[in-house]
Structures are given as C-alpha cells and as structure tokens.
Amino acid sequence: QVQLVESGGGLVQAGGSLRLSCAASGSIFRFNAMGWYRQAPGKQRELVAVIIGLGGTHYPDSVKGRFTISRDNAKNTLYLQMNTLKPEDTAVYYCHVEGSGFWGQGTLVTVSA
C-alpha cells in the first residue's frame, strides 16, 4: 500500500506557471511508470503525462511542449511543471501509479482568462 499526496495547485492567470508535486509514503523507485491525470467538471479523467523507467515520457498533444513530468526517486516525489497555462487546463490533477489502484486525492488547478 502506498499513499500519494498532491500539492501545488492554485489559482493562476493564463500564461502563468505552476509546479505540482506528488509525495509518496514509500519508495517510488519500485514503480516503473507513474502519471499525472486531470479531471475537469463534467468531463472524464484524462492522462496528462506519464514517466516510464529512467525517464521516458509521454504527453498528449494538448499539453505537449508546455508540461514536463519528472520524478525524484530519492525524495519519493513525482512532479509536474506546467507552463503557459490556459483556461482549459483548469481541473483537479491527480497522480497515479500506472497499473495499480493507487491514486492521490487530487489538487485543484484553476486558470483564469
């Protein structure tokens, strides 16, 4: 069992930046793949970024070039750097251990126009 706690969300103007963190209660070194997802009101949860192994990453076109996922195994923390934010990025952001039932509680990101 592992607990994931996201932080770093908040209110930001369009064009601004935020850095989300996901702190795990145990070692994340054993997890091959971890990801960030988001869910906007009235919409399904969608993948935002995934990091695999030593650093392979994947992003959907909607965030490619603006978002960067990274992990610090020594600190048991997953990060999501979000730049050039847009109002359509407004959502609750969740971290997730791929292939498991482990999800964080989410952190709200609100981007104002």
C-alpha atoms as a PDB file:
ATOM      1  CA  GLN A   1       0.000   0.000   0.000  1.00  0.00           C
ATOM      2  CA  VAL A   2       1.226   3.496  -0.792  1.00  0.00           C
ATOM      3  CA  GLN A   3      -0.298   6.887  -0.141  1.00  0.00           C
ATOM      4  CA  LEU A   4       0.063   9.689  -2.665  1.00  0.00           C
ATOM      5  CA  VAL A   5      -0.411  13.326  -1.673  1.00  0.00           C
ATOM      6  CA  GLU A   6      -0.540  16.028  -4.320  1.00  0.00           C
ATOM      7  CA  SER A   7       0.228  19.682  -3.677  1.00  0.00           C
ATOM      8  CA  GLY A   8       0.987  22.851  -5.602  1.00  0.00           C
ATOM      9  CA  GLY A   9      -2.370  23.590  -7.132  1.00  0.00           C
ATOM     10  CA  GLY A  10      -3.978  27.005  -7.012  1.00  0.00           C
ATOM     11  CA  LEU A  11      -5.286  29.938  -8.983  1.00  0.00           C
ATOM     12  CA  VAL A  12      -3.124  31.333 -11.757  1.00  0.00           C
ATOM     13  CA  GLN A  13      -3.669  33.657 -14.698  1.00  0.00           C
ATOM     14  CA  ALA A  14      -3.488  32.387 -18.232  1.00  0.00           C
ATOM     15  CA  GLY A  15       0.118  32.235 -19.371  1.00  0.00           C
ATOM     16  CA  GLY A  16       1.366  31.539 -15.894  1.00  0.00           C
ATOM     17  CA  SER A  17       3.084  28.506 -14.401  1.00  0.00           C
ATOM     18  CA  LEU A  18       2.574  26.045 -11.585  1.00  0.00           C
ATOM     19  CA  ARG A  19       4.568  23.110 -10.299  1.00  0.00           C
ATOM     20  CA  LEU A  20       2.653  20.206  -8.861  1.00  0.00           C
ATOM     21  CA  SER A  21       4.217  17.698  -6.500  1.00  0.00           C
ATOM     22  CA  CYS A  22       3.104  14.223  -5.524  1.00  0.00           C
ATOM     23  CA  ALA A  23       4.719  12.880  -2.383  1.00  0.00           C
ATOM     24  CA  ALA A  24       4.581   9.142  -1.817  1.00  0.00           C
ATOM     25  CA  SER A  25       4.557   7.473   1.574  1.00  0.00           C
ATOM     26  CA  GLY A  26       7.111   4.913   0.427  1.00  0.00           C
ATOM     27  CA  SER A  27       9.721   4.316  -2.194  1.00  0.00           C
ATOM     28  CA  ILE A  28       8.651   5.097  -5.744  1.00  0.00           C
ATOM     29  CA  PHE A  29      11.794   3.523  -7.155  1.00  0.00           C
ATOM     30  CA  ARG A  30       9.919   0.223  -7.431  1.00  0.00           C
ATOM     31  CA  PHE A  31       7.245   1.745  -9.657  1.00  0.00           C
ATOM     32  CA  ASN A  32       8.190   1.608 -13.301  1.00  0.00           C
ATOM     33  CA  ALA A  33       5.618   4.088 -14.511  1.00  0.00           C
ATOM     34  CA  MET A  34       3.824   6.960 -12.842  1.00  0.00           C
ATOM     35  CA  GLY A  35       1.491   9.509 -14.305  1.00  0.00           C
ATOM     36  CA  TRP A  36      -0.476  12.667 -13.874  1.00  0.00           C
ATOM     37  CA  TYR A  37      -4.148  12.830 -14.811  1.00  0.00           C
ATOM     38  CA  ARG A  38      -6.730  15.562 -14.661  1.00  0.00           C
ATOM     39  CA  GLN A  39     -10.489  15.787 -14.483  1.00  0.00           C
ATOM     40  CA  ALA A  40     -12.396  18.911 -15.399  1.00  0.00           C
ATOM     41  CA  PRO A  41     -16.002  19.451 -14.279  1.00  0.00           C
ATOM     42  CA  GLY A  42     -18.364  17.329 -16.317  1.00  0.00           C
ATOM     43  CA  LYS A  43     -15.541  15.567 -18.142  1.00  0.00           C
ATOM     44  CA  GLN A  44     -13.789  12.228 -17.881  1.00  0.00           C
ATOM     45  CA  ARG A  45     -10.423  11.868 -16.247  1.00  0.00           C
ATOM     46  CA  GLU A  46      -7.663  12.141 -18.833  1.00  0.00           C
ATOM     47  CA  LEU A  47      -3.958  11.430 -18.982  1.00  0.00           C
ATOM     48  CA  VAL A  48      -1.727  14.490 -18.801  1.00  0.00           C
ATOM     49  CA  ALA A  49       1.737  12.971 -18.618  1.00  0.00           C
ATOM     50  CA  VAL A  50       3.435   9.690 -17.878  1.00  0.00           C
ATOM     51  CA  ILE A  51       7.031   8.877 -16.976  1.00  0.00           C
ATOM     52  CA  ILE A  52       8.408   5.404 -17.542  1.00  0.00           C
ATOM     53  CA  GLY A  53      11.553   3.812 -16.207  1.00  0.00           C
ATOM     54  CA  LEU A  54      14.592   6.063 -16.094  1.00  0.00           C
ATOM     55  CA  GLY A  55      12.909   8.963 -17.819  1.00  0.00           C
ATOM     56  CA  GLY A  56      10.880   8.070 -20.854  1.00  0.00           C
ATOM     57  CA  THR A  57       7.914  10.410 -21.078  1.00  0.00           C
ATOM     58  CA  HIS A  58       4.677  10.743 -22.991  1.00  0.00           C
ATOM     59  CA  TYR A  59       2.280  13.664 -23.297  1.00  0.00           C
ATOM     60  CA  PRO A  60      -0.952  14.179 -25.178  1.00  0.00           C
ATOM     61  CA  ASP A  61      -0.897  16.897 -27.812  1.00  0.00           C
ATOM     62  CA  SER A  62      -2.974  19.191 -25.592  1.00  0.00           C
ATOM     63  CA  VAL A  63      -0.062  19.713 -23.166  1.00  0.00           C
ATOM     64  CA  LYS A  64       2.999  18.733 -25.202  1.00  0.00           C
ATOM     65  CA  GLY A  65       5.637  21.436 -25.067  1.00  0.00           C
ATOM     66  CA  ARG A  66       4.023  23.101 -22.059  1.00  0.00           C
ATOM     67  CA  PHE A  67       4.062  20.422 -19.351  1.00  0.00           C
ATOM     68  CA  THR A  68       7.024  18.422 -18.061  1.00  0.00           C
ATOM     69  CA  ILE A  69       6.819  15.392 -15.823  1.00  0.00           C
ATOM     70  CA  SER A  70       9.755  14.321 -13.675  1.00  0.00           C
ATOM     71  CA  ARG A  71      10.482  12.142 -10.693  1.00  0.00           C
ATOM     72  CA  ASP A  72      12.952  12.236  -7.828  1.00  0.00           C
ATOM     73  CA  ASN A  73      13.277   8.704  -6.529  1.00  0.00           C
ATOM     74  CA  ALA A  74      15.460   9.838  -3.622  1.00  0.00           C
ATOM     75  CA  LYS A  75      12.671  12.126  -2.411  1.00  0.00           C
ATOM     76  CA  ASN A  76       9.869   9.731  -3.395  1.00  0.00           C
ATOM     77  CA  THR A  77       8.239  12.566  -5.274  1.00  0.00           C
ATOM     78  CA  LEU A  78       6.674  12.985  -8.692  1.00  0.00           C
ATOM     79  CA  TYR A  79       6.468  16.440 -10.264  1.00  0.00           C
ATOM     80  CA  LEU A  80       4.536  18.185 -12.997  1.00  0.00           C
ATOM     81  CA  GLN A  81       5.854  21.511 -14.235  1.00  0.00           C
ATOM     82  CA  MET A  82       3.098  23.358 -16.065  1.00  0.00           C
ATOM     83  CA  ASN A  83       3.937  26.398 -18.175  1.00  0.00           C
ATOM     84  CA  THR A  84       1.910  28.657 -20.440  1.00  0.00           C
ATOM     85  CA  LEU A  85      -1.255  27.597 -18.695  1.00  0.00           C
ATOM     86  CA  LYS A  86      -4.594  28.023 -20.421  1.00  0.00           C
ATOM     87  CA  PRO A  87      -8.125  28.261 -19.009  1.00  0.00           C
ATOM     88  CA  GLU A  88      -8.850  24.826 -20.480  1.00  0.00           C
ATOM     89  CA  ASP A  89      -6.166  23.388 -18.168  1.00  0.00           C
ATOM     90  CA  THR A  90      -8.491  24.055 -15.236  1.00  0.00           C
ATOM     91  CA  ALA A  91      -9.121  20.734 -13.494  1.00  0.00           C
ATOM     92  CA  VAL A  92      -8.347  18.600 -10.483  1.00  0.00           C
ATOM     93  CA  TYR A  93      -4.956  16.976 -11.056  1.00  0.00           C
ATOM     94  CA  TYR A  94      -4.179  13.512  -9.738  1.00  0.00           C
ATOM     95  CA  CYS A  95      -1.025  11.446  -9.571  1.00  0.00           C
ATOM     96  CA  HIS A  96      -1.218   7.730 -10.172  1.00  0.00           C
ATOM     97  CA  VAL A  97       0.957   4.652 -10.114  1.00  0.00           C
ATOM     98  CA  GLU A  98       0.388   3.098 -13.522  1.00  0.00           C
ATOM     99  CA  GLY A  99      -1.074  -0.357 -13.419  1.00  0.00           C
ATOM    100  CA  SER A 100      -2.225  -0.043  -9.815  1.00  0.00           C
ATOM    101  CA  GLY A 101      -5.158   1.283  -7.857  1.00  0.00           C
ATOM    102  CA  PHE A 102      -3.047   3.943  -6.173  1.00  0.00           C
ATOM    103  CA  TRP A 103      -4.314   7.490  -6.697  1.00  0.00           C
ATOM    104  CA  GLY A 104      -3.794  10.704  -4.828  1.00  0.00           C
ATOM    105  CA  GLN A 105      -6.654  12.833  -3.561  1.00  0.00           C
ATOM    106  CA  GLY A 106      -6.071  15.490  -6.198  1.00  0.00           C
ATOM    107  CA  THR A 107      -5.114  19.143  -6.256  1.00  0.00           C
ATOM    108  CA  LEU A 108      -7.199  21.832  -7.932  1.00  0.00           C
ATOM    109  CA  VAL A 109      -5.694  23.994 -10.644  1.00  0.00           C
ATOM    110  CA  THR A 110      -7.716  26.995 -11.786  1.00  0.00           C
ATOM    111  CA  VAL A 111      -6.535  29.111 -14.702  1.00  0.00           C
ATOM    112  CA  SER A 112      -8.263  32.422 -15.173  1.00  0.00           C
ATOM    113  CA  ALA A 113      -8.558  34.097 -18.552  1.00  0.00           C
END
